């Protein structure tokens, strides 16, 4: 009987060790930081998944929603805005958006490693909501382009910040929830197209209407921005007023504020109705040469560290980590060009291709966009299942979904009628939602916490830089051909191939 009990204890300890085992190897991260991160991982695992994490899950989901919703909003209002303002180069609006997304990814992503997660977490949606509402009153194309860039500065920071915040409070046993978060991403697309259907489908000028397209006949896109801006403002109020976000304990530890990190762990435990055995000694015992300096020289050094490239260099500290960081940036870059080529102009594609099939009304265009959006919801759920499949994991799910996304895009060029085109686009949206669900979960897991915001910023910046290229291509390319679709499909296939070369598999392991 005693032997059986001992074996059970050994198995239990083995399971716990596996759940808190680090994704990155010892050569990739500072050993003192790694030791302390392991202690905090154990503390969070001991607390378990409770009220605080579930509330945070919903609020982080709002950030996921904004990341997908507002680029889709831009693409949905693009035809109506171009007609009202008689704009000869409508993709300039998408270009303004992507410039804002890049600025947001850089500022909030790098910034949250400097001034903390709390400020960035609360501010990003607030910025989005304010400028989204103001944009509804735009008097000309230049104004709507400027406001689009400004709301995109807020949108661009959501994923780099929110993924870091959620992952750092998440027990290792529940890291798959990062993938499930993408259901909010899918629902955001569904919500945007559901609201757009009545507002843009019936209160918008179409290309077949007699000119000119006046403001009074084209008020749908303004109502649409008011509705979506109001939703973003409600999300901001819930985040900032209703919920109390604690600063990340790993972030605090990485800044040498061990006592505050311990205090946060105990606050989370209290909110979850449990207790934590973590003490300050558990962290300080791993310090080399005693407690971190608190004199003027040490304070000055920490201030100077904020303005150098310490966090960037840390992500290239070893050959393996540098290889991993470079590859994941390339994958994000390829997808950053591929996805906008499809997504930013899907209403135009459905409208123009539908017109050639004899059914290109504005109403049908937005109805089909809604149908496509519905398929994204099960895609996010499938991604959450695939990442936990043994011998498949994050890398397998990411590679498979990227390849399938490219295949569906190539197949869409064979459509003989609008129903064929709709079907292939539904397949594309399903596969791409699996892709994003896995990518958003895997990326922050392979960066150490103290540099995670910077790592997320690098990948998001690579994504946005290449995203800027998409509207430039659209301005000078012929969108009436299938060329953009072929380019997009090839980039997704390339991203799938690069995934197979990634050195780290994070399934069943705790992030540092």
Protein backbone atom coordinates (compact mmCIF):
# COMPACT_ATOMS: atom_id res chain seq x y z
CA UNK A 1 0.00 0.00 0.00
CA UNK A 2 2.84 2.36 0.89
CA UNK A 3 4.57 1.63 -2.43
CA UNK A 4 1.40 2.46 -4.34
CA UNK A 5 1.05 5.76 -2.46
CA UNK A 6 4.70 6.62 -3.11
CA UNK A 7 4.28 5.87 -6.81
CA UNK A 8 1.20 8.09 -6.89
CA UNK A 9 3.11 10.94 -5.26
CA UNK A 10 5.96 10.52 -7.73
CA UNK A 11 3.52 10.62 -10.67
CA UNK A 12 1.82 13.71 -9.22
CA UNK A 13 5.14 15.49 -8.81
CA UNK A 14 6.18 14.43 -12.30
CA UNK A 15 2.98 15.88 -13.78
CA UNK A 16 3.43 19.14 -11.87
CA UNK A 17 7.06 19.41 -12.95
CA UNK A 18 6.03 18.88 -16.57
CA UNK A 19 3.35 21.56 -16.35
CA UNK A 20 5.85 24.06 -14.97
CA UNK A 21 8.79 22.92 -17.11
CA UNK A 22 10.01 25.83 -19.24
CA UNK A 23 9.43 26.11 -22.98
CA UNK A 24 12.90 27.59 -23.53
CA UNK A 25 16.10 25.76 -22.68
CA UNK A 26 18.54 27.00 -20.03
CA UNK A 27 20.97 28.47 -22.54
CA UNK A 28 18.31 30.85 -23.88
CA UNK A 29 17.48 32.76 -20.67
CA UNK A 30 19.37 34.27 -17.74
CA UNK A 31 19.64 31.48 -15.11
CA UNK A 32 18.59 33.68 -12.15
CA UNK A 33 15.55 34.93 -14.03
CA UNK A 34 14.70 31.37 -15.10
CA UNK A 35 14.91 30.07 -11.54
CA UNK A 36 12.62 32.82 -10.26
CA UNK A 37 10.19 32.38 -13.16
CA UNK A 38 9.97 28.67 -12.31
CA UNK A 39 9.09 29.59 -8.71
CA UNK A 40 6.34 31.93 -9.91
CA UNK A 41 5.06 29.32 -12.38
CA UNK A 42 4.72 26.89 -9.48
CA UNK A 43 2.92 29.54 -7.41
CA UNK A 44 0.43 30.32 -10.20
CA UNK A 45 -0.08 26.59 -10.80
CA UNK A 46 -0.71 26.12 -7.07
CA UNK A 47 -3.37 28.82 -7.10
CA UNK A 48 -4.98 27.23 -10.14
CA UNK A 49 -7.50 28.57 -12.62
CA UNK A 50 -9.97 30.68 -10.68
CA UNK A 51 -12.21 33.73 -10.73
CA UNK A 52 -9.43 36.22 -11.50
CA UNK A 53 -8.18 34.31 -14.55
CA UNK A 54 -11.69 33.67 -15.92
CA UNK A 55 -12.59 37.36 -15.64
CA UNK A 56 -9.28 38.23 -17.28
CA UNK A 57 -10.03 35.69 -20.02
CA UNK A 58 -13.16 37.62 -20.99
CA UNK A 59 -11.50 41.04 -20.81
CA UNK A 60 -8.48 39.90 -22.83
CA UNK A 61 -11.02 38.51 -25.30
CA UNK A 62 -12.15 42.10 -25.87
CA UNK A 63 -8.62 42.90 -27.05
CA UNK A 64 -8.66 39.90 -29.39
CA UNK A 65 -11.99 41.17 -30.72
CA UNK A 66 -10.64 44.64 -31.44
CA UNK A 67 -7.64 43.23 -33.31
CA UNK A 68 -9.87 41.54 -35.87
CA UNK A 69 -12.92 43.82 -35.77
CA UNK A 70 -11.39 47.15 -36.73
CA UNK A 71 -9.39 46.02 -39.79
CA UNK A 72 -12.61 44.35 -40.96
CA UNK A 73 -14.51 47.58 -40.27
CA UNK A 74 -12.06 49.39 -42.54
CA UNK A 75 -12.60 46.89 -45.34
CA UNK A 76 -16.39 46.98 -44.91
CA UNK A 77 -16.69 50.78 -45.12
CA UNK A 78 -14.09 51.10 -47.90
CA UNK A 79 -16.51 50.88 -50.88
CA UNK A 80 -19.01 53.32 -49.35
CA UNK A 81 -16.34 55.82 -48.29
CA UNK A 82 -14.70 55.71 -51.73
CA UNK A 83 -18.03 56.43 -53.47
CA UNK A 84 -19.04 59.29 -51.17
CA UNK A 85 -15.71 61.10 -51.38
CA UNK A 86 -15.13 60.16 -55.05
CA UNK A 87 -11.75 58.68 -54.17
CA UNK A 88 -9.78 57.30 -57.10
CA UNK A 89 -7.41 55.29 -54.89
CA UNK A 90 -9.52 53.73 -52.09
CA UNK A 91 -6.69 51.45 -50.79
CA UNK A 92 -5.11 54.58 -49.27
CA UNK A 93 -7.56 54.04 -46.38
CA UNK A 94 -6.14 50.56 -45.78
CA UNK A 95 -2.63 52.03 -46.03
CA UNK A 96 -3.45 54.57 -43.29
CA UNK A 97 -4.81 51.73 -41.17
CA UNK A 98 -1.68 49.62 -41.50
CA UNK A 99 0.60 52.56 -40.69
CA UNK A 100 -1.40 53.07 -37.49
CA UNK A 101 -1.27 49.35 -36.67
CA UNK A 102 2.52 49.39 -37.07
CA UNK A 103 2.89 52.43 -34.82
CA UNK A 104 0.64 50.84 -32.21
CA UNK A 105 2.48 47.52 -32.25
CA UNK A 106 5.83 49.25 -31.75
CA UNK A 107 4.72 51.75 -29.10
CA UNK A 108 2.54 49.50 -26.92
CA UNK A 109 4.55 46.32 -27.49
CA UNK A 110 7.92 47.77 -26.53
CA UNK A 111 6.34 50.15 -24.03
CA UNK A 112 4.67 47.49 -21.91
CA UNK A 113 8.11 46.03 -21.12
CA UNK A 114 9.17 49.49 -19.91
CA UNK A 115 6.18 51.11 -18.18
CA UNK A 116 4.30 47.91 -17.36
CA UNK A 117 1.27 46.00 -18.58
CA UNK A 118 -1.53 47.78 -16.70
CA UNK A 119 -1.37 51.16 -18.45
CA UNK A 120 -1.13 49.64 -21.92
CA UNK A 121 -3.87 47.07 -21.21
CA UNK A 122 -6.36 49.76 -20.22
CA UNK A 123 -5.38 52.42 -22.77
CA UNK A 124 -5.39 50.48 -26.06
CA UNK A 125 -9.15 49.93 -26.33
CA UNK A 126 -9.83 53.45 -25.02
CA UNK A 127 -7.80 54.99 -27.86
CA UNK A 128 -9.62 52.77 -30.37
CA UNK A 129 -13.06 53.70 -29.06
CA UNK A 130 -12.50 57.46 -28.99
CA UNK A 131 -11.13 57.80 -32.52
CA UNK A 132 -13.59 55.24 -33.90
CA UNK A 133 -16.49 57.37 -32.67
CA UNK A 134 -14.94 60.63 -33.85
CA UNK A 135 -14.34 59.15 -37.32
CA UNK A 136 -18.10 58.88 -37.89
CA UNK A 137 -18.18 62.66 -38.40
CA UNK A 138 -15.42 62.78 -41.01
CA UNK A 139 -16.10 65.54 -43.58
CA UNK A 140 -13.70 64.24 -46.24
CA UNK A 141 -11.45 61.34 -47.21
CA UNK A 142 -8.34 62.85 -45.60
CA UNK A 143 -10.15 63.06 -42.26
CA UNK A 144 -11.41 59.47 -42.29
CA UNK A 145 -7.91 58.29 -43.28
CA UNK A 146 -6.35 60.18 -40.35
CA UNK A 147 -8.88 58.87 -37.84
CA UNK A 148 -8.44 55.35 -39.21
CA UNK A 149 -4.69 55.61 -38.56
CA UNK A 150 -5.33 56.93 -35.03
CA UNK A 151 -7.81 54.25 -33.99
CA UNK A 152 -5.40 51.69 -35.45
CA UNK A 153 -2.66 52.90 -33.06
CA UNK A 154 -4.86 51.56 -30.27
CA UNK A 155 -5.78 48.39 -32.16
CA UNK A 156 -2.14 47.60 -32.92
CA UNK A 157 -1.29 47.30 -29.24
CA UNK A 158 -4.03 44.90 -28.22
CA UNK A 159 -2.44 41.57 -29.07
CA UNK A 160 1.17 42.32 -28.01
CA UNK A 161 -0.04 43.54 -24.61
CA UNK A 162 -3.05 41.31 -23.96
CA UNK A 163 -1.31 38.05 -24.80
CA UNK A 164 1.51 38.95 -22.41
CA UNK A 165 -0.92 39.91 -19.62
CA UNK A 166 -3.03 36.77 -19.88
CA UNK A 167 -0.15 34.32 -20.28
CA UNK A 168 1.61 35.68 -17.20
CA UNK A 169 -1.39 34.94 -14.95
CA UNK A 170 -2.22 31.59 -16.54
CA UNK A 171 -1.38 28.23 -14.91
CA UNK A 172 0.73 26.01 -17.16
CA UNK A 173 -2.10 23.47 -17.20
CA UNK A 174 -4.40 26.01 -18.90
CA UNK A 175 -2.14 27.62 -21.50
CA UNK A 176 -4.32 26.12 -24.22
CA UNK A 177 -6.82 28.88 -23.35
CA UNK A 178 -4.60 31.28 -25.30
CA UNK A 179 -5.76 29.39 -28.38
CA UNK A 180 -9.40 29.33 -27.30
CA UNK A 181 -9.22 33.13 -26.94
CA UNK A 182 -9.38 33.31 -30.71
CA UNK A 183 -13.08 32.53 -30.51
CA UNK A 184 -13.42 36.22 -29.59
CA UNK A 185 -11.46 37.02 -32.75
CA UNK A 186 -13.95 35.00 -34.78
CA UNK A 187 -17.01 36.42 -33.01
CA UNK A 188 -15.70 39.94 -33.68
CA UNK A 189 -15.76 39.29 -37.41
CA UNK A 190 -19.25 37.84 -37.05
CA UNK A 191 -20.47 40.84 -35.02
CA UNK A 192 -18.98 43.40 -37.42
CA UNK A 193 -20.52 41.81 -40.50
CA UNK A 194 -23.84 41.21 -38.70
CA UNK A 195 -24.13 44.91 -37.84
CA UNK A 196 -22.82 45.94 -41.28
CA UNK A 197 -25.42 43.90 -43.17
CA UNK A 198 -28.47 46.10 -42.34
CA UNK A 199 -26.58 49.40 -42.02
CA UNK A 200 -24.29 49.16 -45.04
CA UNK A 201 -26.53 46.86 -47.04
CA UNK A 202 -29.50 49.24 -47.19
CA UNK A 203 -28.16 52.70 -46.29
CA UNK A 204 -25.25 52.82 -48.71
CA UNK A 205 -24.65 53.96 -52.27
CA UNK A 206 -23.79 51.26 -54.78
CA UNK A 207 -21.83 51.49 -58.01
CA UNK A 208 -25.05 51.08 -59.99
CA UNK A 209 -26.74 54.11 -58.35
CA UNK A 210 -26.78 57.38 -60.31
CA UNK A 211 -24.05 59.86 -59.31
CA UNK A 212 -23.35 61.70 -57.15
CA UNK A 213 -23.27 59.65 -53.94
CA UNK A 214 -24.28 62.24 -51.34
CA UNK A 215 -23.81 62.07 -47.57
CA UNK A 216 -27.56 61.83 -46.97
CA UNK A 217 -27.84 58.74 -49.19
CA UNK A 218 -24.70 57.14 -47.76
CA UNK A 219 -25.06 57.47 -44.00
CA UNK A 220 -24.78 53.73 -43.31
CA UNK A 221 -21.02 53.66 -42.76
CA UNK A 222 -21.28 56.50 -40.24
CA UNK A 223 -23.96 54.68 -38.24
CA UNK A 224 -21.76 51.60 -38.45
CA UNK A 225 -18.74 53.41 -36.96
CA UNK A 226 -20.92 54.81 -34.15
CA UNK A 227 -22.17 51.31 -33.33
CA UNK A 228 -18.71 49.74 -33.36
CA UNK A 229 -17.13 52.67 -31.51
CA UNK A 230 -19.84 52.38 -28.86
CA UNK A 231 -19.08 48.68 -28.45
CA UNK A 232 -15.36 49.45 -28.03
CA UNK A 233 -16.16 52.13 -25.44
CA UNK A 234 -18.28 49.64 -23.46
CA UNK A 235 -15.34 47.19 -23.49
CA UNK A 236 -13.03 49.96 -22.26
CA UNK A 237 -15.35 50.81 -19.35
CA UNK A 238 -15.52 47.16 -18.28
CA UNK A 239 -11.73 46.93 -18.34
CA UNK A 240 -10.90 50.22 -16.68
CA UNK A 241 -13.80 50.73 -14.24
CA UNK A 242 -15.23 47.32 -13.37
CA UNK A 243 -12.15 45.08 -13.32
CA UNK A 244 -8.96 45.60 -11.29
CA UNK A 245 -5.90 44.41 -13.19
CA UNK A 246 -2.85 43.57 -11.11
CA UNK A 247 0.59 44.15 -12.58
CA UNK A 248 2.17 40.94 -13.89
CA UNK A 249 4.23 39.21 -11.15
CA UNK A 250 6.81 38.04 -13.71
CA UNK A 251 7.13 41.56 -15.07
CA UNK A 252 7.69 42.88 -11.54
CA UNK A 253 10.22 40.14 -10.81
CA UNK A 254 12.06 40.93 -14.05
CA UNK A 255 12.36 44.53 -12.86
CA UNK A 256 13.81 43.47 -9.50
CA UNK A 257 10.58 44.18 -7.58
CA UNK A 258 10.28 40.76 -5.96
CA UNK A 259 8.22 41.88 -2.95
CA UNK A 260 5.56 43.38 -5.22
CA UNK A 261 5.52 40.21 -7.31
CA UNK A 262 4.85 38.10 -4.21
CA UNK A 263 2.11 40.51 -3.09
CA UNK A 264 0.34 40.21 -6.47
CA UNK A 265 0.39 36.41 -6.30
CA UNK A 266 -1.30 36.55 -2.89
CA UNK A 267 -3.91 39.03 -4.16
CA UNK A 268 -4.79 36.70 -7.04
CA UNK A 269 -5.00 33.76 -4.63
CA UNK A 270 -7.31 35.75 -2.36
CA UNK A 271 -9.62 36.67 -5.24
CA UNK A 272 -9.71 33.01 -6.27
CA UNK A 273 -10.69 32.00 -2.74
CA UNK A 274 -7.47 30.12 -2.03
CA UNK A 275 -4.05 30.72 -0.50
CA UNK A 276 -0.48 30.68 -1.78
CA UNK A 277 2.60 29.49 0.11
CA UNK A 278 4.89 31.79 -1.89
CA UNK A 279 7.20 33.98 0.19
CA UNK A 280 9.77 36.63 -0.66
CA UNK A 281 12.52 34.27 0.46
CA UNK A 282 11.50 31.80 -2.26
CA UNK A 283 12.59 34.38 -4.86
CA UNK A 284 15.52 36.03 -3.08
CA UNK A 285 17.26 32.71 -2.52
CA UNK A 286 18.02 32.64 -6.25
CA UNK A 287 19.70 36.06 -6.35
CA UNK A 288 23.37 36.12 -7.25
CA UNK A 289 25.33 38.38 -4.92
CA UNK A 290 22.35 39.24 -2.71
CA UNK A 291 19.44 41.58 -3.22
CA UNK A 292 19.28 43.84 -6.27
CA UNK A 293 21.01 47.16 -5.71
CA UNK A 294 18.86 50.07 -4.62
CA UNK A 295 21.47 52.82 -4.55
CA UNK A 296 21.62 55.78 -6.94
CA UNK A 297 23.98 54.02 -9.34
CA UNK A 298 21.69 50.98 -9.60
CA UNK A 299 18.65 53.20 -10.12
CA UNK A 300 20.44 55.11 -12.89
CA UNK A 301 21.44 51.86 -14.57
CA UNK A 302 17.84 50.67 -14.59
CA UNK A 303 16.68 53.98 -16.08
CA UNK A 304 19.29 53.77 -18.84
CA UNK A 305 18.28 50.17 -19.56
CA UNK A 306 14.84 51.46 -20.49
CA UNK A 307 16.16 53.37 -23.50
CA UNK A 308 18.61 50.82 -24.90
CA UNK A 309 18.04 47.58 -26.80
CA UNK A 310 18.40 45.26 -23.81
CA UNK A 311 15.06 43.54 -24.39
CA UNK A 312 15.76 43.10 -28.10
CA UNK A 313 19.25 41.67 -27.54
CA UNK A 314 17.83 39.25 -24.97
CA UNK A 315 15.72 37.62 -27.69
CA UNK A 316 18.90 36.86 -29.66
CA UNK A 317 20.92 35.81 -26.61
CA UNK A 318 21.66 32.31 -27.89
CA UNK A 319 21.81 30.83 -31.39
CA UNK A 320 18.70 28.74 -30.80
CA UNK A 321 16.64 31.62 -29.41
CA UNK A 322 17.86 33.93 -32.18
CA UNK A 323 16.88 31.32 -34.76
CA UNK A 324 13.44 30.93 -33.17
CA UNK A 325 12.85 34.71 -32.95
CA UNK A 326 13.91 35.25 -36.58
CA UNK A 327 11.70 32.43 -37.89
CA UNK A 328 8.57 33.51 -36.01
CA UNK A 329 9.10 37.08 -37.25
CA UNK A 330 9.30 35.79 -40.84
CA UNK A 331 6.11 33.78 -40.38
CA UNK A 332 4.28 36.83 -39.01
CA UNK A 333 5.66 38.95 -41.87
CA UNK A 334 4.45 36.56 -44.58
CA UNK A 335 1.00 36.36 -43.02
CA UNK A 336 1.02 40.13 -42.55
CA UNK A 337 1.14 40.55 -46.32
CA UNK A 338 -0.98 37.55 -47.26
CA UNK A 339 -3.99 38.16 -45.05
CA UNK A 340 -4.62 41.85 -45.93
CA UNK A 341 -4.40 41.05 -49.63
CA UNK A 342 -7.41 38.84 -49.08
CA UNK A 343 -9.24 40.35 -46.12
CA UNK A 344 -9.00 44.09 -46.81
CA UNK A 345 -10.60 43.73 -50.23
CA UNK A 346 -13.00 40.81 -49.76
CA UNK A 347 -16.10 43.08 -50.04
CA UNK A 348 -14.69 44.46 -53.31
CA UNK A 349 -13.91 40.94 -54.51
CA UNK A 350 -17.34 39.58 -53.64
CA UNK A 351 -19.00 42.62 -55.18
CA UNK A 352 -17.01 42.66 -58.43
CA UNK A 353 -16.94 38.89 -58.90
CA UNK A 354 -20.59 38.69 -57.91
CA UNK A 355 -21.44 41.33 -60.47
CA UNK A 356 -19.77 39.25 -63.16
CA UNK A 357 -21.97 36.36 -62.06
CA UNK A 358 -25.06 38.58 -62.14
CA UNK A 359 -25.68 38.88 -58.37
CA UNK A 360 -23.38 41.63 -57.08
CA UNK A 361 -25.84 43.76 -55.09
CA UNK A 362 -24.65 45.57 -51.97
CA UNK A 363 -27.12 43.53 -49.90
CA UNK A 364 -25.76 40.19 -51.16
CA UNK A 365 -22.17 41.35 -50.73
CA UNK A 366 -22.61 41.95 -47.00
CA UNK A 367 -24.81 38.88 -46.60
CA UNK A 368 -22.02 36.73 -48.03
CA UNK A 369 -19.48 38.45 -45.78
CA UNK A 370 -21.65 37.44 -42.80
CA UNK A 371 -21.82 33.81 -43.95
CA UNK A 372 -18.05 33.73 -44.31
CA UNK A 373 -17.65 35.19 -40.82
CA UNK A 374 -19.80 32.44 -39.25
CA UNK A 375 -17.26 29.81 -40.30
CA UNK A 376 -14.56 31.49 -38.25
CA UNK A 377 -16.15 30.51 -34.91
CA UNK A 378 -15.70 26.72 -35.21
CA UNK A 379 -12.22 27.37 -36.64
CA UNK A 380 -11.09 28.95 -33.37
CA UNK A 381 -12.48 25.99 -31.38
CA UNK A 382 -10.78 23.44 -33.64
CA UNK A 383 -7.49 25.29 -33.11
CA UNK A 384 -7.93 24.94 -29.34
CA UNK A 385 -8.26 21.16 -29.72
CA UNK A 386 -5.43 20.65 -32.22
CA UNK A 387 -2.76 22.37 -30.10
CA UNK A 388 -3.15 19.74 -27.36
CA UNK A 389 -2.93 16.69 -29.65
CA UNK A 390 0.21 14.63 -28.74
CA UNK A 391 2.96 14.51 -31.39
CA UNK A 392 1.13 17.32 -33.21
CA UNK A 393 0.95 20.24 -30.80
CA UNK A 394 1.34 23.92 -31.66
CA UNK A 395 3.77 23.48 -34.54
CA UNK A 396 1.75 20.78 -36.28
CA UNK A 397 -1.50 22.71 -35.97
CA UNK A 398 0.16 25.91 -37.21
CA UNK A 399 1.80 24.28 -40.23
CA UNK A 400 -1.35 22.39 -41.27
CA UNK A 401 -3.67 25.39 -40.95
CA UNK A 402 -1.28 27.67 -42.87
CA UNK A 403 -1.04 25.21 -45.76
CA UNK A 404 -4.83 24.66 -45.86
CA UNK A 405 -5.40 28.42 -45.85
CA UNK A 406 -3.19 28.76 -48.92
CA UNK A 407 -4.86 25.82 -50.65
CA UNK A 408 -8.35 27.30 -50.19
CA UNK A 409 -7.15 30.60 -51.64
CA UNK A 410 -5.78 28.90 -54.74
CA UNK A 411 -9.01 26.94 -55.07
CA UNK A 412 -11.08 30.14 -55.00
CA UNK A 413 -9.66 31.14 -58.39
CA UNK A 414 -11.48 28.16 -59.94
CA UNK A 415 -14.95 29.45 -58.93
CA UNK A 416 -17.48 29.30 -61.79
CA UNK A 417 -20.27 31.13 -59.94
CA UNK A 418 -20.81 33.20 -56.80
CA UNK A 419 -21.79 30.17 -54.71
CA UNK A 420 -18.49 28.46 -55.56
CA UNK A 421 -16.62 31.62 -54.59
CA UNK A 422 -18.56 31.85 -51.34
CA UNK A 423 -17.80 28.22 -50.50
CA UNK A 424 -14.05 28.54 -51.05
CA UNK A 425 -13.96 31.76 -49.03
CA UNK A 426 -15.78 30.00 -46.19
CA UNK A 427 -13.10 27.29 -46.25
CA UNK A 428 -10.41 29.96 -46.22
CA UNK A 429 -11.94 31.70 -43.22
CA UNK A 430 -12.27 28.45 -41.27
CA UNK A 431 -8.63 27.48 -41.88
CA UNK A 432 -7.29 31.00 -41.25
CA UNK A 433 -9.09 31.17 -37.90
CA UNK A 434 -7.41 27.91 -36.89
CA UNK A 435 -4.12 29.48 -38.04
CA UNK A 436 -4.53 32.67 -36.04
CA UNK A 437 -5.80 30.83 -32.97
CA UNK A 438 -2.62 28.76 -32.84
CA UNK A 439 -0.25 31.57 -33.87
CA UNK A 440 -1.56 33.96 -31.21
CA UNK A 441 -1.10 31.29 -28.54
CA UNK A 442 2.28 29.94 -29.64
CA UNK A 443 4.08 33.26 -30.20
CA UNK A 444 4.07 34.67 -26.63
CA UNK A 445 4.84 31.22 -25.19
CA UNK A 446 8.29 31.12 -26.80
CA UNK A 447 9.42 34.48 -25.34
CA UNK A 448 10.61 34.95 -21.73
CA UNK A 449 8.30 37.22 -19.70
CA UNK A 450 10.73 40.08 -19.13
CA UNK A 451 11.14 40.39 -22.92
CA UNK A 452 7.71 39.13 -23.98
CA UNK A 453 6.25 42.53 -24.80
CA UNK A 454 9.29 43.27 -26.93
CA UNK A 455 9.07 39.87 -28.65
CA UNK A 456 5.38 40.40 -29.35
CA UNK A 457 6.21 43.89 -30.63
CA UNK A 458 8.86 42.54 -33.02
CA UNK A 459 6.51 39.93 -34.49
CA UNK A 460 3.59 42.37 -34.65
CA UNK A 461 5.82 45.01 -36.27
CA UNK A 462 7.02 42.54 -38.89
CA UNK A 463 3.37 41.68 -39.51
CA UNK A 464 2.36 45.35 -39.83
CA UNK A 465 5.33 46.39 -42.00
CA UNK A 466 4.40 43.75 -44.55
CA UNK A 467 0.75 44.67 -44.05
CA UNK A 468 1.56 48.18 -45.26
CA UNK A 469 2.73 46.65 -48.51
CA UNK A 470 -0.71 45.12 -49.22
CA UNK A 471 -2.61 48.38 -49.94
CA UNK A 472 0.38 49.73 -51.89
CA UNK A 473 0.19 46.63 -54.09
CA UNK A 474 -3.57 47.16 -54.41
CA UNK A 475 -3.13 50.78 -55.49
CA UNK A 476 -0.87 49.87 -58.40
CA UNK A 477 -1.98 46.30 -59.18
CA UNK A 478 -4.99 45.10 -61.12
CA UNK A 479 -7.43 43.80 -58.51
CA UNK A 480 -9.71 42.44 -61.20
CA UNK A 481 -7.25 39.61 -61.84
CA UNK A 482 -6.45 36.67 -59.56
CA UNK A 483 -2.83 37.80 -59.08
CA UNK A 484 -3.26 39.06 -55.47
CA UNK A 485 -4.91 35.75 -54.57
CA UNK A 486 -1.99 33.73 -55.96
CA UNK A 487 0.52 35.86 -54.06
CA UNK A 488 -1.48 35.52 -50.85
CA UNK A 489 -1.82 31.74 -51.21
CA UNK A 490 1.89 31.28 -51.88
CA UNK A 491 2.78 33.31 -48.77
CA UNK A 492 0.55 31.14 -46.58
CA UNK A 493 2.21 28.00 -47.98
CA UNK A 494 5.64 29.51 -47.27
CA UNK A 495 4.58 30.31 -43.69
CA UNK A 496 3.50 26.69 -43.23
CA UNK A 497 6.88 25.45 -44.46
CA UNK A 498 8.79 27.78 -42.10
CA UNK A 499 6.72 26.57 -39.15
CA UNK A 500 8.18 23.09 -39.50
CA UNK A 501 11.66 24.54 -38.84
CA UNK A 502 10.75 26.24 -35.53
CA UNK A 503 12.97 24.83 -32.73
CA UNK A 504 10.57 25.04 -29.76
CA UNK A 505 7.35 23.11 -29.12
CA UNK A 506 5.41 24.62 -26.21
CA UNK A 507 2.65 22.01 -25.76
CA UNK A 508 2.49 20.82 -22.16
CA UNK A 509 5.16 23.26 -20.94
CA UNK A 510 4.93 26.45 -18.89
CA UNK A 511 6.09 29.72 -20.39
CA UNK A 512 8.91 31.68 -18.76
